[in-house]
mmCIF file of all heavy atoms, coordinates in Angstrom:
data_MODEL
# 
_entry.id   MODEL 
# 
loop_
_atom_site.group_PDB 
_atom_site.id 
_atom_site.type_symbol 
_atom_site.label_atom_id 
_atom_site.label_alt_id 
_atom_site.label_comp_id 
_atom_site.label_asym_id 
_atom_site.label_entity_id 
_atom_site.label_seq_id 
_atom_site.pdbx_PDB_ins_code 
_atom_site.Cartn_x 
_atom_site.Cartn_y 
_atom_site.Cartn_z 
_atom_site.occupancy 
_atom_site.B_iso_or_equiv 
_atom_site.pdbx_formal_charge 
_atom_site.auth_seq_id 
_atom_site.auth_comp_id 
_atom_site.auth_asym_id 
_atom_site.auth_atom_id 
_atom_site.pdbx_PDB_model_num 
ATOM 1   N N   . LYS A 1 1  ? -11.971 5.143  -16.242 1.00 0.00 ? 1  LYS A N   1 
ATOM 2   C CA  . LYS A 1 1  ? -12.436 4.969  -14.864 1.00 0.00 ? 1  LYS A CA  1 
ATOM 3   C C   . LYS A 1 1  ? -12.160 3.536  -14.404 1.00 0.00 ? 1  LYS A C   1 
ATOM 4   O O   . LYS A 1 1  ? -11.674 3.324  -13.289 1.00 0.00 ? 1  LYS A O   1 
ATOM 5   C CB  . LYS A 1 1  ? -13.935 5.273  -14.771 1.00 0.00 ? 1  LYS A CB  1 
ATOM 6   C CG  . LYS A 1 1  ? -14.540 5.013  -13.428 1.00 0.00 ? 1  LYS A CG  1 
ATOM 7   C CD  . LYS A 1 1  ? -14.611 6.262  -12.610 1.00 0.00 ? 1  LYS A CD  1 
ATOM 8   C CE  . LYS A 1 1  ? -15.428 6.040  -11.363 1.00 0.00 ? 1  LYS A CE  1 
ATOM 9   N NZ  . LYS A 1 1  ? -14.643 5.948  -10.175 1.00 0.00 ? 1  LYS A NZ  1 
ATOM 10  N N   . LEU A 1 2  ? -12.436 2.576  -15.256 1.00 0.00 ? 2  LEU A N   1 
ATOM 11  C CA  . LEU A 1 2  ? -12.177 1.172  -14.930 1.00 0.00 ? 2  LEU A CA  1 
ATOM 12  C C   . LEU A 1 2  ? -10.684 0.947  -14.696 1.00 0.00 ? 2  LEU A C   1 
ATOM 13  O O   . LEU A 1 2  ? -10.287 0.276  -13.747 1.00 0.00 ? 2  LEU A O   1 
ATOM 14  C CB  . LEU A 1 2  ? -12.686 0.274  -16.054 1.00 0.00 ? 2  LEU A CB  1 
ATOM 15  C CG  . LEU A 1 2  ? -12.500 -1.226 -15.876 1.00 0.00 ? 2  LEU A CG  1 
ATOM 16  C CD1 . LEU A 1 2  ? -13.308 -1.716 -14.668 1.00 0.00 ? 2  LEU A CD1 1 
ATOM 17  C CD2 . LEU A 1 2  ? -12.916 -1.974 -17.125 1.00 0.00 ? 2  LEU A CD2 1 
ATOM 18  N N   . PHE A 1 3  ? -9.847  1.533  -15.544 1.00 0.00 ? 3  PHE A N   1 
ATOM 19  C CA  . PHE A 1 3  ? -8.400  1.405  -15.394 1.00 0.00 ? 3  PHE A CA  1 
ATOM 20  C C   . PHE A 1 3  ? -7.932  2.031  -14.079 1.00 0.00 ? 3  PHE A C   1 
ATOM 21  O O   . PHE A 1 3  ? -7.143  1.449  -13.347 1.00 0.00 ? 3  PHE A O   1 
ATOM 22  C CB  . PHE A 1 3  ? -7.687  2.063  -16.576 1.00 0.00 ? 3  PHE A CB  1 
ATOM 23  C CG  . PHE A 1 3  ? -6.180  2.030  -16.454 1.00 0.00 ? 3  PHE A CG  1 
ATOM 24  C CD1 . PHE A 1 3  ? -5.485  0.854  -16.682 1.00 0.00 ? 3  PHE A CD1 1 
ATOM 25  C CD2 . PHE A 1 3  ? -5.480  3.171  -16.087 1.00 0.00 ? 3  PHE A CD2 1 
ATOM 26  C CE1 . PHE A 1 3  ? -4.108  0.809  -16.559 1.00 0.00 ? 3  PHE A CE1 1 
ATOM 27  C CE2 . PHE A 1 3  ? -4.099  3.127  -15.961 1.00 0.00 ? 3  PHE A CE2 1 
ATOM 28  C CZ  . PHE A 1 3  ? -3.417  1.956  -16.200 1.00 0.00 ? 3  PHE A CZ  1 
ATOM 29  N N   . GLU A 1 4  ? -8.432  3.228  -13.751 1.00 0.00 ? 4  GLU A N   1 
ATOM 30  C CA  . GLU A 1 4  ? -8.056  3.899  -12.510 1.00 0.00 ? 4  GLU A CA  1 
ATOM 31  C C   . GLU A 1 4  ? -8.485  3.088  -11.296 1.00 0.00 ? 4  GLU A C   1 
ATOM 32  O O   . GLU A 1 4  ? -7.744  2.954  -10.340 1.00 0.00 ? 4  GLU A O   1 
ATOM 33  C CB  . GLU A 1 4  ? -8.674  5.303  -12.455 1.00 0.00 ? 4  GLU A CB  1 
ATOM 34  C CG  . GLU A 1 4  ? -8.031  6.282  -13.405 1.00 0.00 ? 4  GLU A CG  1 
ATOM 35  C CD  . GLU A 1 4  ? -8.769  7.612  -13.458 1.00 0.00 ? 4  GLU A CD  1 
ATOM 36  O OE1 . GLU A 1 4  ? -9.789  7.765  -12.751 1.00 0.00 ? 4  GLU A OE1 1 
ATOM 37  O OE2 . GLU A 1 4  ? -8.325  8.479  -14.221 1.00 0.00 ? 4  GLU A OE2 1 
ATOM 38  N N   . ASP A 1 5  ? -9.700  2.556  -11.339 1.00 0.00 ? 5  ASP A N   1 
ATOM 39  C CA  . ASP A 1 5  ? -10.194 1.761  -10.219 1.00 0.00 ? 5  ASP A CA  1 
ATOM 40  C C   . ASP A 1 5  ? -9.371  0.493  -10.023 1.00 0.00 ? 5  ASP A C   1 
ATOM 41  O O   . ASP A 1 5  ? -9.050  0.126  -8.893  1.00 0.00 ? 5  ASP A O   1 
ATOM 42  C CB  . ASP A 1 5  ? -11.671 1.403  -10.409 1.00 0.00 ? 5  ASP A CB  1 
ATOM 43  C CG  . ASP A 1 5  ? -12.591 2.598  -10.263 1.00 0.00 ? 5  ASP A CG  1 
ATOM 44  O OD1 . ASP A 1 5  ? -12.130 3.632  -9.734  1.00 0.00 ? 5  ASP A OD1 1 
ATOM 45  O OD2 . ASP A 1 5  ? -13.758 2.504  -10.685 1.00 0.00 ? 5  ASP A OD2 1 
ATOM 46  N N   . SER A 1 6  ? -9.004  -0.168 -11.112 1.00 0.00 ? 6  SER A N   1 
ATOM 47  C CA  . SER A 1 6  ? -8.215  -1.400 -10.975 1.00 0.00 ? 6  SER A CA  1 
ATOM 48  C C   . SER A 1 6  ? -6.810  -1.066 -10.497 1.00 0.00 ? 6  SER A C   1 
ATOM 49  O O   . SER A 1 6  ? -6.201  -1.831 -9.760  1.00 0.00 ? 6  SER A O   1 
ATOM 50  C CB  . SER A 1 6  ? -8.156  -2.164 -12.286 1.00 0.00 ? 6  SER A CB  1 
ATOM 51  O OG  . SER A 1 6  ? -7.394  -1.475 -13.247 1.00 0.00 ? 6  SER A OG  1 
ATOM 52  N N   . HIS A 1 7  ? -6.285  0.088  -10.881 1.00 0.00 ? 7  HIS A N   1 
ATOM 53  C CA  . HIS A 1 7  ? -4.953  0.506  -10.426 1.00 0.00 ? 7  HIS A CA  1 
ATOM 54  C C   . HIS A 1 7  ? -4.974  0.794  -8.924  1.00 0.00 ? 7  HIS A C   1 
ATOM 55  O O   . HIS A 1 7  ? -4.051  0.436  -8.197  1.00 0.00 ? 7  HIS A O   1 
ATOM 56  C CB  . HIS A 1 7  ? -4.487  1.741  -11.208 1.00 0.00 ? 7  HIS A CB  1 
ATOM 57  C CG  . HIS A 1 7  ? -3.136  2.220  -10.807 1.00 0.00 ? 7  HIS A CG  1 
ATOM 58  N ND1 . HIS A 1 7  ? -1.993  1.498  -11.072 1.00 0.00 ? 7  HIS A ND1 1 
ATOM 59  C CD2 . HIS A 1 7  ? -2.735  3.323  -10.140 1.00 0.00 ? 7  HIS A CD2 1 
ATOM 60  C CE1 . HIS A 1 7  ? -0.953  2.139  -10.590 1.00 0.00 ? 7  HIS A CE1 1 
ATOM 61  N NE2 . HIS A 1 7  ? -1.374  3.258  -10.025 1.00 0.00 ? 7  HIS A NE2 1 
ATOM 62  N N   . LYS A 1 8  ? -6.025  1.418  -8.444  1.00 0.00 ? 8  LYS A N   1 
ATOM 63  C CA  . LYS A 1 8  ? -6.149  1.715  -7.016  1.00 0.00 ? 8  LYS A CA  1 
ATOM 64  C C   . LYS A 1 8  ? -6.196  0.433  -6.197  1.00 0.00 ? 8  LYS A C   1 
ATOM 65  O O   . LYS A 1 8  ? -5.668  0.367  -5.110  1.00 0.00 ? 8  LYS A O   1 
ATOM 66  C CB  . LYS A 1 8  ? -7.410  2.541  -6.750  1.00 0.00 ? 8  LYS A CB  1 
ATOM 67  C CG  . LYS A 1 8  ? -7.303  3.968  -7.188  1.00 0.00 ? 8  LYS A CG  1 
ATOM 68  C CD  . LYS A 1 8  ? -8.591  4.701  -6.897  1.00 0.00 ? 8  LYS A CD  1 
ATOM 69  C CE  . LYS A 1 8  ? -8.585  6.076  -7.525  1.00 0.00 ? 8  LYS A CE  1 
ATOM 70  N NZ  . LYS A 1 8  ? -9.884  6.740  -7.388  1.00 0.00 ? 8  LYS A NZ  1 
ATOM 71  N N   . ASP A 1 9  ? -6.867  -0.585 -6.727  1.00 0.00 ? 9  ASP A N   1 
ATOM 72  C CA  . ASP A 1 9  ? -6.988  -1.852 -6.009  1.00 0.00 ? 9  ASP A CA  1 
ATOM 73  C C   . ASP A 1 9  ? -5.638  -2.551 -5.850  1.00 0.00 ? 9  ASP A C   1 
ATOM 74  O O   . ASP A 1 9  ? -5.430  -3.284 -4.904  1.00 0.00 ? 9  ASP A O   1 
ATOM 75  C CB  . ASP A 1 9  ? -7.959  -2.794 -6.733  1.00 0.00 ? 9  ASP A CB  1 
ATOM 76  C CG  . ASP A 1 9  ? -9.386  -2.295 -6.672  1.00 0.00 ? 9  ASP A CG  1 
ATOM 77  O OD1 . ASP A 1 9  ? -9.684  -1.444 -5.810  1.00 0.00 ? 9  ASP A OD1 1 
ATOM 78  O OD2 . ASP A 1 9  ? -10.211 -2.755 -7.500  1.00 0.00 ? 9  ASP A OD2 1 
ATOM 79  N N   . ARG A 1 10 ? -4.718  -2.316 -6.778  1.00 0.00 ? 10 ARG A N   1 
ATOM 80  C CA  . ARG A 1 10 ? -3.434  -2.994 -6.719  1.00 0.00 ? 10 ARG A CA  1 
ATOM 81  C C   . ARG A 1 10 ? -2.449  -2.302 -5.793  1.00 0.00 ? 10 ARG A C   1 
ATOM 82  O O   . ARG A 1 10 ? -1.491  -2.914 -5.366  1.00 0.00 ? 10 ARG A O   1 
ATOM 83  C CB  . ARG A 1 10 ? -2.826  -3.096 -8.124  1.00 0.00 ? 10 ARG A CB  1 
ATOM 84  C CG  . ARG A 1 10 ? -3.516  -4.137 -8.959  1.00 0.00 ? 10 ARG A CG  1 
ATOM 85  C CD  . ARG A 1 10 ? -2.826  -4.334 -10.263 1.00 0.00 ? 10 ARG A CD  1 
ATOM 86  N NE  . ARG A 1 10 ? -3.046  -3.144 -11.085 1.00 0.00 ? 10 ARG A NE  1 
ATOM 87  C CZ  . ARG A 1 10 ? -2.189  -2.661 -11.962 1.00 0.00 ? 10 ARG A CZ  1 
ATOM 88  N NH1 . ARG A 1 10 ? -1.056  -3.259 -12.173 1.00 0.00 ? 10 ARG A NH1 1 
ATOM 89  N NH2 . ARG A 1 10 ? -2.453  -1.593 -12.667 1.00 0.00 ? 10 ARG A NH2 1 
ATOM 90  N N   . GLU A 1 11 ? -2.644  -1.029 -5.510  1.00 0.00 ? 11 GLU A N   1 
ATOM 91  C CA  . GLU A 1 11 ? -1.702  -0.332 -4.633  1.00 0.00 ? 11 GLU A CA  1 
ATOM 92  C C   . GLU A 1 11 ? -1.915  -0.793 -3.198  1.00 0.00 ? 11 GLU A C   1 
ATOM 93  O O   . GLU A 1 11 ? -3.030  -0.775 -2.688  1.00 0.00 ? 11 GLU A O   1 
ATOM 94  C CB  . GLU A 1 11 ? -1.923  1.187  -4.709  1.00 0.00 ? 11 GLU A CB  1 
ATOM 95  C CG  . GLU A 1 11 ? -1.340  1.775  -5.959  1.00 0.00 ? 11 GLU A CG  1 
ATOM 96  C CD  . GLU A 1 11 ? -1.329  3.279  -5.910  1.00 0.00 ? 11 GLU A CD  1 
ATOM 97  O OE1 . GLU A 1 11 ? -1.145  3.833  -4.798  1.00 0.00 ? 11 GLU A OE1 1 
ATOM 98  O OE2 . GLU A 1 11 ? -1.504  3.885  -6.951  1.00 0.00 ? 11 GLU A OE2 1 
ATOM 99  N N   . PRO A 1 12 ? -0.857  -1.226 -2.551  1.00 0.00 ? 12 PRO A N   1 
ATOM 100 C CA  . PRO A 1 12 ? -1.017  -1.673 -1.169  1.00 0.00 ? 12 PRO A CA  1 
ATOM 101 C C   . PRO A 1 12 ? -1.324  -0.506 -0.241  1.00 0.00 ? 12 PRO A C   1 
ATOM 102 O O   . PRO A 1 12 ? -0.789  0.576  -0.406  1.00 0.00 ? 12 PRO A O   1 
ATOM 103 C CB  . PRO A 1 12 ? 0.340   -2.295 -0.831  1.00 0.00 ? 12 PRO A CB  1 
ATOM 104 C CG  . PRO A 1 12 ? 1.292   -1.667 -1.793  1.00 0.00 ? 12 PRO A CG  1 
ATOM 105 C CD  . PRO A 1 12 ? 0.509   -1.319 -3.021  1.00 0.00 ? 12 PRO A CD  1 
ATOM 106 N N   . ALA A 1 13 ? -2.199  -0.743 0.674   1.00 0.00 ? 13 ALA A N   1 
ATOM 107 C CA  . ALA A 1 13 ? -2.520  0.273  1.672   1.00 0.00 ? 13 ALA A CA  1 
ATOM 108 C C   . ALA A 1 13 ? -1.920  -0.191 2.991   1.00 0.00 ? 13 ALA A C   1 
ATOM 109 O O   . ALA A 1 13 ? -2.328  -1.206 3.546   1.00 0.00 ? 13 ALA A O   1 
ATOM 110 C CB  . ALA A 1 13 ? -4.032  0.423  1.794   1.00 0.00 ? 13 ALA A CB  1 
ATOM 111 N N   . TYR A 1 14 ? -0.914  0.518  3.445   1.00 0.00 ? 14 TYR A N   1 
ATOM 112 C CA  . TYR A 1 14 ? -0.225  0.141  4.676   1.00 0.00 ? 14 TYR A CA  1 
ATOM 113 C C   . TYR A 1 14 ? -0.705  0.992  5.833   1.00 0.00 ? 14 TYR A C   1 
ATOM 114 O O   . TYR A 1 14 ? -0.989  2.164  5.678   1.00 0.00 ? 14 TYR A O   1 
ATOM 115 C CB  . TYR A 1 14 ? 1.289   0.337  4.514   1.00 0.00 ? 14 TYR A CB  1 
ATOM 116 C CG  . TYR A 1 14 ? 1.897   -0.461 3.384   1.00 0.00 ? 14 TYR A CG  1 
ATOM 117 C CD1 . TYR A 1 14 ? 2.428   0.188  2.276   1.00 0.00 ? 14 TYR A CD1 1 
ATOM 118 C CD2 . TYR A 1 14 ? 1.932   -1.840 3.422   1.00 0.00 ? 14 TYR A CD2 1 
ATOM 119 C CE1 . TYR A 1 14 ? 2.984   -0.541 1.230   1.00 0.00 ? 14 TYR A CE1 1 
ATOM 120 C CE2 . TYR A 1 14 ? 2.481   -2.575 2.384   1.00 0.00 ? 14 TYR A CE2 1 
ATOM 121 C CZ  . TYR A 1 14 ? 3.002   -1.915 1.301   1.00 0.00 ? 14 TYR A CZ  1 
ATOM 122 O OH  . TYR A 1 14 ? 3.542   -2.641 0.275   1.00 0.00 ? 14 TYR A OH  1 
ATOM 123 N N   . THR A 1 15 ? -0.748  0.379  7.000   1.00 0.00 ? 15 THR A N   1 
ATOM 124 C CA  . THR A 1 15 ? -1.005  1.142  8.197   1.00 0.00 ? 15 THR A CA  1 
ATOM 125 C C   . THR A 1 15 ? 0.307   1.784  8.631   1.00 0.00 ? 15 THR A C   1 
ATOM 126 O O   . THR A 1 15 ? 1.385   1.367  8.181   1.00 0.00 ? 15 THR A O   1 
ATOM 127 C CB  . THR A 1 15 ? -1.514  0.233  9.336   1.00 0.00 ? 15 THR A CB  1 
ATOM 128 O OG1 . THR A 1 15 ? -0.478  -0.709 9.661   1.00 0.00 ? 15 THR A OG1 1 
ATOM 129 C CG2 . THR A 1 15 ? -2.792  -0.496 8.943   1.00 0.00 ? 15 THR A CG2 1 
ATOM 130 N N   . VAL A 1 16 ? 0.233   2.747  9.512   1.00 0.00 ? 16 VAL A N   1 
ATOM 131 C CA  . VAL A 1 16 ? 1.445   3.375  10.036  1.00 0.00 ? 16 VAL A CA  1 
ATOM 132 C C   . VAL A 1 16 ? 2.296   2.323  10.728  1.00 0.00 ? 16 VAL A C   1 
ATOM 133 O O   . VAL A 1 16 ? 3.525   2.293  10.577  1.00 0.00 ? 16 VAL A O   1 
ATOM 134 C CB  . VAL A 1 16 ? 1.093   4.524  11.012  1.00 0.00 ? 16 VAL A CB  1 
ATOM 135 C CG1 . VAL A 1 16 ? 2.334   5.054  11.701  1.00 0.00 ? 16 VAL A CG1 1 
ATOM 136 C CG2 . VAL A 1 16 ? 0.370   5.646  10.281  1.00 0.00 ? 16 VAL A CG2 1 
ATOM 137 N N   . GLU A 1 17 ? 1.650   1.428  11.452  1.00 0.00 ? 17 GLU A N   1 
ATOM 138 C CA  . GLU A 1 17 ? 2.371   0.390  12.184  1.00 0.00 ? 17 GLU A CA  1 
ATOM 139 C C   . GLU A 1 17 ? 3.124   -0.546 11.241  1.00 0.00 ? 17 GLU A C   1 
ATOM 140 O O   . GLU A 1 17 ? 4.298   -0.856 11.466  1.00 0.00 ? 17 GLU A O   1 
ATOM 141 C CB  . GLU A 1 17 ? 1.407   -0.417 13.070  1.00 0.00 ? 17 GLU A CB  1 
ATOM 142 C CG  . GLU A 1 17 ? 0.782   0.371  14.193  1.00 0.00 ? 17 GLU A CG  1 
ATOM 143 C CD  . GLU A 1 17 ? -0.432  1.207  13.792  1.00 0.00 ? 17 GLU A CD  1 
ATOM 144 O OE1 . GLU A 1 17 ? -0.892  1.109  12.634  1.00 0.00 ? 17 GLU A OE1 1 
ATOM 145 O OE2 . GLU A 1 17 ? -0.912  1.975  14.642  1.00 0.00 ? 17 GLU A OE2 1 
ATOM 146 N N   . LEU A 1 18 ? 2.450   -0.992 10.184  1.00 0.00 ? 18 LEU A N   1 
ATOM 147 C CA  . LEU A 1 18 ? 3.088   -1.908 9.236   1.00 0.00 ? 18 LEU A CA  1 
ATOM 148 C C   . LEU A 1 18 ? 4.185   -1.192 8.449   1.00 0.00 ? 18 LEU A C   1 
ATOM 149 O O   . LEU A 1 18 ? 5.250   -1.764 8.213   1.00 0.00 ? 18 LEU A O   1 
ATOM 150 C CB  . LEU A 1 18 ? 2.058   -2.528 8.294   1.00 0.00 ? 18 LEU A CB  1 
ATOM 151 C CG  . LEU A 1 18 ? 2.610   -3.560 7.300   1.00 0.00 ? 18 LEU A CG  1 
ATOM 152 C CD1 . LEU A 1 18 ? 3.350   -4.680 8.020   1.00 0.00 ? 18 LEU A CD1 1 
ATOM 153 C CD2 . LEU A 1 18 ? 1.486   -4.112 6.438   1.00 0.00 ? 18 LEU A CD2 1 
ATOM 154 N N   . ALA A 1 19 ? 3.943   0.042  8.068   1.00 0.00 ? 19 ALA A N   1 
ATOM 155 C CA  . ALA A 1 19 ? 4.966   0.803  7.337   1.00 0.00 ? 19 ALA A CA  1 
ATOM 156 C C   . ALA A 1 19 ? 6.202   0.998  8.202   1.00 0.00 ? 19 ALA A C   1 
ATOM 157 O O   . ALA A 1 19 ? 7.335   0.845  7.737   1.00 0.00 ? 19 ALA A O   1 
ATOM 158 C CB  . ALA A 1 19 ? 4.409   2.149  6.883   1.00 0.00 ? 19 ALA A CB  1 
ATOM 159 N N   . THR A 1 20 ? 6.003   1.302  9.471   1.00 0.00 ? 20 THR A N   1 
ATOM 160 C CA  . THR A 1 20 ? 7.117   1.461  10.397  1.00 0.00 ? 20 THR A CA  1 
ATOM 161 C C   . THR A 1 20 ? 7.871   0.144  10.570  1.00 0.00 ? 20 THR A C   1 
ATOM 162 O O   . THR A 1 20 ? 9.104   0.120  10.521  1.00 0.00 ? 20 THR A O   1 
ATOM 163 C CB  . THR A 1 20 ? 6.618   1.975  11.766  1.00 0.00 ? 20 THR A CB  1 
ATOM 164 O OG1 . THR A 1 20 ? 5.918   3.199  11.575  1.00 0.00 ? 20 THR A OG1 1 
ATOM 165 C CG2 . THR A 1 20 ? 7.777   2.184  12.745  1.00 0.00 ? 20 THR A CG2 1 
ATOM 166 N N   . ALA A 1 21 ? 7.134   -0.939 10.749  1.00 0.00 ? 21 ALA A N   1 
ATOM 167 C CA  . ALA A 1 21 ? 7.757   -2.258 10.897  1.00 0.00 ? 21 ALA A CA  1 
ATOM 168 C C   . ALA A 1 21 ? 8.573   -2.613 9.659   1.00 0.00 ? 21 ALA A C   1 
ATOM 169 O O   . ALA A 1 21 ? 9.688   -3.131 9.763   1.00 0.00 ? 21 ALA A O   1 
ATOM 170 C CB  . ALA A 1 21 ? 6.689   -3.329 11.147  1.00 0.00 ? 21 ALA A CB  1 
ATOM 171 N N   . ALA A 1 22 ? 8.053   -2.317 8.493   1.00 0.00 ? 22 ALA A N   1 
ATOM 172 C CA  . ALA A 1 22 ? 8.769   -2.630 7.249   1.00 0.00 ? 22 ALA A CA  1 
ATOM 173 C C   . ALA A 1 22 ? 10.040  -1.805 7.127   1.00 0.00 ? 22 ALA A C   1 
ATOM 174 O O   . ALA A 1 22 ? 11.093  -2.327 6.736   1.00 0.00 ? 22 ALA A O   1 
ATOM 175 C CB  . ALA A 1 22 ? 7.854   -2.386 6.048   1.00 0.00 ? 22 ALA A CB  1 
ATOM 176 N N   . LEU A 1 23 ? 9.987   -0.517 7.469   1.00 0.00 ? 23 LEU A N   1 
ATOM 177 C CA  . LEU A 1 23 ? 11.191  0.328  7.400   1.00 0.00 ? 23 LEU A CA  1 
ATOM 178 C C   . LEU A 1 23 ? 12.247  -0.156 8.379   1.00 0.00 ? 23 LEU A C   1 
ATOM 179 O O   . LEU A 1 23 ? 13.439  -0.229 8.042   1.00 0.00 ? 23 LEU A O   1 
ATOM 180 C CB  . LEU A 1 23 ? 10.831  1.795  7.669   1.00 0.00 ? 23 LEU A CB  1 
ATOM 181 C CG  . LEU A 1 23 ? 10.043  2.491  6.556   1.00 0.00 ? 23 LEU A CG  1 
ATOM 182 C CD1 . LEU A 1 23 ? 9.597   3.875  7.016   1.00 0.00 ? 23 LEU A CD1 1 
ATOM 183 C CD2 . LEU A 1 23 ? 10.865  2.593  5.290   1.00 0.00 ? 23 LEU A CD2 1 
ATOM 184 N N   . LEU A 1 24 ? 11.836  -0.480 9.591   1.00 0.00 ? 24 LEU A N   1 
ATOM 185 C CA  . LEU A 1 24 ? 12.800  -0.990 10.577  1.00 0.00 ? 24 LEU A CA  1 
ATOM 186 C C   . LEU A 1 24 ? 13.400  -2.308 10.113  1.00 0.00 ? 24 LEU A C   1 
ATOM 187 O O   . LEU A 1 24 ? 14.593  -2.559 10.291  1.00 0.00 ? 24 LEU A O   1 
ATOM 188 C CB  . LEU A 1 24 ? 12.125  -1.150 11.952  1.00 0.00 ? 24 LEU A CB  1 
ATOM 189 C CG  . LEU A 1 24 ? 11.619  0.133  12.621  1.00 0.00 ? 24 LEU A CG  1 
ATOM 190 C CD1 . LEU A 1 24 ? 10.911  -0.199 13.933  1.00 0.00 ? 24 LEU A CD1 1 
ATOM 191 C CD2 . LEU A 1 24 ? 12.732  1.137  12.853  1.00 0.00 ? 24 LEU A CD2 1 
ATOM 192 N N   . SER A 1 25 ? 12.580  -3.130 9.492   1.00 0.00 ? 25 SER A N   1 
ATOM 193 C CA  . SER A 1 25 ? 13.062  -4.416 8.988   1.00 0.00 ? 25 SER A CA  1 
ATOM 194 C C   . SER A 1 25 ? 14.081  -4.234 7.861   1.00 0.00 ? 25 SER A C   1 
ATOM 195 O O   . SER A 1 25 ? 14.995  -5.057 7.707   1.00 0.00 ? 25 SER A O   1 
ATOM 196 C CB  . SER A 1 25 ? 11.884  -5.257 8.486   1.00 0.00 ? 25 SER A CB  1 
ATOM 197 O OG  . SER A 1 25 ? 12.319  -6.472 7.983   1.00 0.00 ? 25 SER A OG  1 
ATOM 198 N N   . GLU A 1 26 ? 13.945  -3.172 7.095   1.00 0.00 ? 26 GLU A N   1 
ATOM 199 C CA  . GLU A 1 26 ? 14.904  -2.890 6.021   1.00 0.00 ? 26 GLU A CA  1 
ATOM 200 C C   . GLU A 1 26 ? 16.322  -2.814 6.571   1.00 0.00 ? 26 GLU A C   1 
ATOM 201 O O   . GLU A 1 26 ? 17.266  -3.279 5.944   1.00 0.00 ? 26 GLU A O   1 
ATOM 202 C CB  . GLU A 1 26 ? 14.562  -1.574 5.321   1.00 0.00 ? 26 GLU A CB  1 
ATOM 203 C CG  . GLU A 1 26 ? 13.435  -1.660 4.340   1.00 0.00 ? 26 GLU A CG  1 
ATOM 204 C CD  . GLU A 1 26 ? 13.770  -2.468 3.103   1.00 0.00 ? 26 GLU A CD  1 
ATOM 205 O OE1 . GLU A 1 26 ? 14.916  -2.397 2.606   1.00 0.00 ? 26 GLU A OE1 1 
ATOM 206 O OE2 . GLU A 1 26 ? 12.864  -3.155 2.605   1.00 0.00 ? 26 GLU A OE2 1 
# 
């Protein structure tokens, strides 16, 4: 459980706006 929780904290959570901006920037 501790490992899963720490793994979740490291995954970036992007908004639709930021994800779109990042793809366009690619």
